[in-house]
């Protein structure tokens, strides 16, 4: 049986953002295909309905789900497997230690953070905690 093609993750980001490029590389290493748009993400975040309070430096779309910020590929694979009724996932702001925010310039520091499952009404619950 043929394996299904890897999902394409469309990413809207600032063209000069290094951590966004590192997050995209993390996704590609984890089996996703990517398509980047260097137009910034604020307008796309609004258009897709992700609350500003959950915002970060890039906004993505994969198989109908909005992904905001430095969400680990592991949780994106889980989301696509479980398929909850939700808008998508968010890691608000830019916590050090998240994928893309884990380069050598951070000296191995890892801040605790939560991956949030965001409902279509903008409310959120913790999907996965990282400590």
Protein backbone atom coordinates (compact mmCIF):
# COMPACT_ATOMS: atom_id res chain seq x y z
CA UNK A 1 0.00 0.00 0.00
CA UNK A 2 1.37 3.42 -0.94
CA UNK A 3 2.09 5.81 1.88
CA UNK A 4 0.11 9.05 1.86
CA UNK A 5 2.06 12.17 0.96
CA UNK A 6 3.23 14.23 3.89
CA UNK A 7 0.90 17.12 4.72
CA UNK A 8 1.87 20.54 3.41
CA UNK A 9 2.24 23.23 6.07
CA UNK A 10 1.73 26.73 4.70
CA UNK A 11 3.65 29.26 6.83
CA UNK A 12 3.25 33.05 6.88
CA UNK A 13 6.27 34.78 8.41
CA UNK A 14 8.55 37.79 8.27
CA UNK A 15 11.21 37.30 5.57
CA UNK A 16 14.01 38.16 8.01
CA UNK A 17 12.96 35.92 10.89
CA UNK A 18 15.60 33.31 11.68
CA UNK A 19 13.60 31.42 14.28
CA UNK A 20 10.77 30.96 11.77
CA UNK A 21 13.23 29.42 9.30
CA UNK A 22 14.50 27.12 12.07
CA UNK A 23 10.92 26.05 12.91
CA UNK A 24 10.28 25.26 9.24
CA UNK A 25 13.47 23.14 9.18
CA UNK A 26 12.18 21.30 12.30
CA UNK A 27 8.91 20.53 10.51
CA UNK A 28 10.69 19.25 7.41
CA UNK A 29 12.93 16.97 9.53
CA UNK A 30 9.72 15.65 11.12
CA UNK A 31 8.08 14.61 7.86
CA UNK A 32 6.11 17.69 6.86
CA UNK A 33 6.37 19.50 3.54
CA UNK A 34 6.34 23.29 3.81
CA UNK A 35 5.46 26.33 1.76
CA UNK A 36 6.60 29.68 3.18
CA UNK A 37 5.13 33.10 2.45
CA UNK A 38 7.44 35.97 3.44
CA UNK A 39 4.62 38.48 3.92
CA UNK A 40 4.37 38.62 7.70
CA UNK A 41 1.68 36.82 9.66
CA UNK A 42 -0.51 39.38 11.42
CA UNK A 43 -3.10 39.71 8.64
CA UNK A 44 -3.22 35.93 8.10
CA UNK A 45 -3.59 35.27 11.85
CA UNK A 46 -6.62 37.60 11.88
CA UNK A 47 -8.06 36.10 8.70
CA UNK A 48 -7.79 32.56 10.06
CA UNK A 49 -9.36 33.54 13.41
CA UNK A 50 -6.47 32.94 15.81
CA UNK A 51 -6.82 35.30 18.79
CA UNK A 52 -4.16 38.03 18.95
CA UNK A 53 -3.53 37.09 22.60
CA UNK A 54 -2.25 33.69 21.40
CA UNK A 55 -0.05 35.23 18.71
CA UNK A 56 3.57 34.56 17.87
CA UNK A 57 5.99 35.30 15.04
CA UNK A 58 4.52 32.98 12.41
CA UNK A 59 1.12 31.55 11.50
CA UNK A 60 0.62 28.30 9.62
CA UNK A 61 -2.16 26.23 8.12
CA UNK A 62 -2.11 22.43 7.82
CA UNK A 63 -5.03 20.31 6.71
CA UNK A 64 -7.58 22.91 7.88
CA UNK A 65 -5.93 23.60 11.26
CA UNK A 66 -4.27 26.89 12.23
CA UNK A 67 -0.86 26.55 13.87
CA UNK A 68 0.43 29.62 15.69
CA UNK A 69 4.02 29.94 16.82
CA UNK A 70 6.65 27.38 17.73
CA UNK A 71 4.41 24.31 18.03
CA UNK A 72 6.44 21.07 18.06
CA UNK A 73 5.92 18.80 15.05
CA UNK A 74 5.06 15.99 17.49
CA UNK A 75 1.91 17.83 18.60
CA UNK A 76 1.01 18.69 15.00
CA UNK A 77 1.19 14.99 14.06
CA UNK A 78 -0.96 14.19 17.11
CA UNK A 79 -3.50 16.86 16.10
CA UNK A 80 -3.78 15.44 12.58
CA UNK A 81 -4.19 11.92 13.96
CA UNK A 82 -6.79 12.79 16.64
CA UNK A 83 -8.61 15.42 14.51
CA UNK A 84 -10.34 17.28 17.38
CA UNK A 85 -13.01 19.85 16.61
CA UNK A 86 -10.79 22.91 17.02
CA UNK A 87 -9.34 25.91 15.26
CA UNK A 88 -5.81 24.62 15.87
CA UNK A 89 -2.78 24.84 18.14
CA UNK A 90 -0.78 27.73 19.57
CA UNK A 91 2.43 28.30 21.49
CA UNK A 92 1.96 31.99 22.35
CA UNK A 93 4.89 34.38 22.22
CA UNK A 94 8.31 32.80 21.63
CA UNK A 95 9.43 30.60 24.56
CA UNK A 96 13.10 29.65 24.55
CA UNK A 97 13.57 25.92 24.03
CA UNK A 98 10.67 25.47 21.61
CA UNK A 99 11.48 24.18 18.12
CA UNK A 100 13.09 27.08 16.27
CA UNK A 101 13.96 28.82 19.54
CA UNK A 102 16.48 26.17 20.54
CA UNK A 103 19.62 27.14 18.63
CA UNK A 104 23.10 27.40 20.14
CA UNK A 105 22.61 31.10 20.87
CA UNK A 106 20.25 30.09 23.71
CA UNK A 107 22.91 28.05 25.50
CA UNK A 108 20.69 25.01 26.04
CA UNK A 109 18.11 27.02 28.03
CA UNK A 110 14.58 25.62 27.97
CA UNK A 111 11.68 27.58 29.39
CA UNK A 112 8.54 25.64 30.37
CA UNK A 113 5.65 26.21 27.96
CA UNK A 114 2.24 24.89 26.97
CA UNK A 115 0.91 23.93 23.57
CA UNK A 116 -2.69 25.17 23.57
CA UNK A 117 -5.62 23.59 21.74
CA UNK A 118 -7.62 26.57 20.47
CA UNK A 119 -11.37 26.22 19.99
CA UNK A 120 -13.19 28.01 17.18
CA UNK A 121 -14.61 30.48 19.73
CA UNK A 122 -11.06 31.51 20.73
CA UNK A 123 -10.97 29.74 24.07
CA UNK A 124 -8.08 27.39 24.74
CA UNK A 125 -7.04 24.42 26.85
CA UNK A 126 -3.64 22.88 27.45
CA UNK A 127 -2.96 20.21 24.82
CA UNK A 128 0.55 19.37 26.00
CA UNK A 129 2.90 20.86 28.61
CA UNK A 130 6.67 20.95 28.23
CA UNK A 131 8.82 21.51 31.30
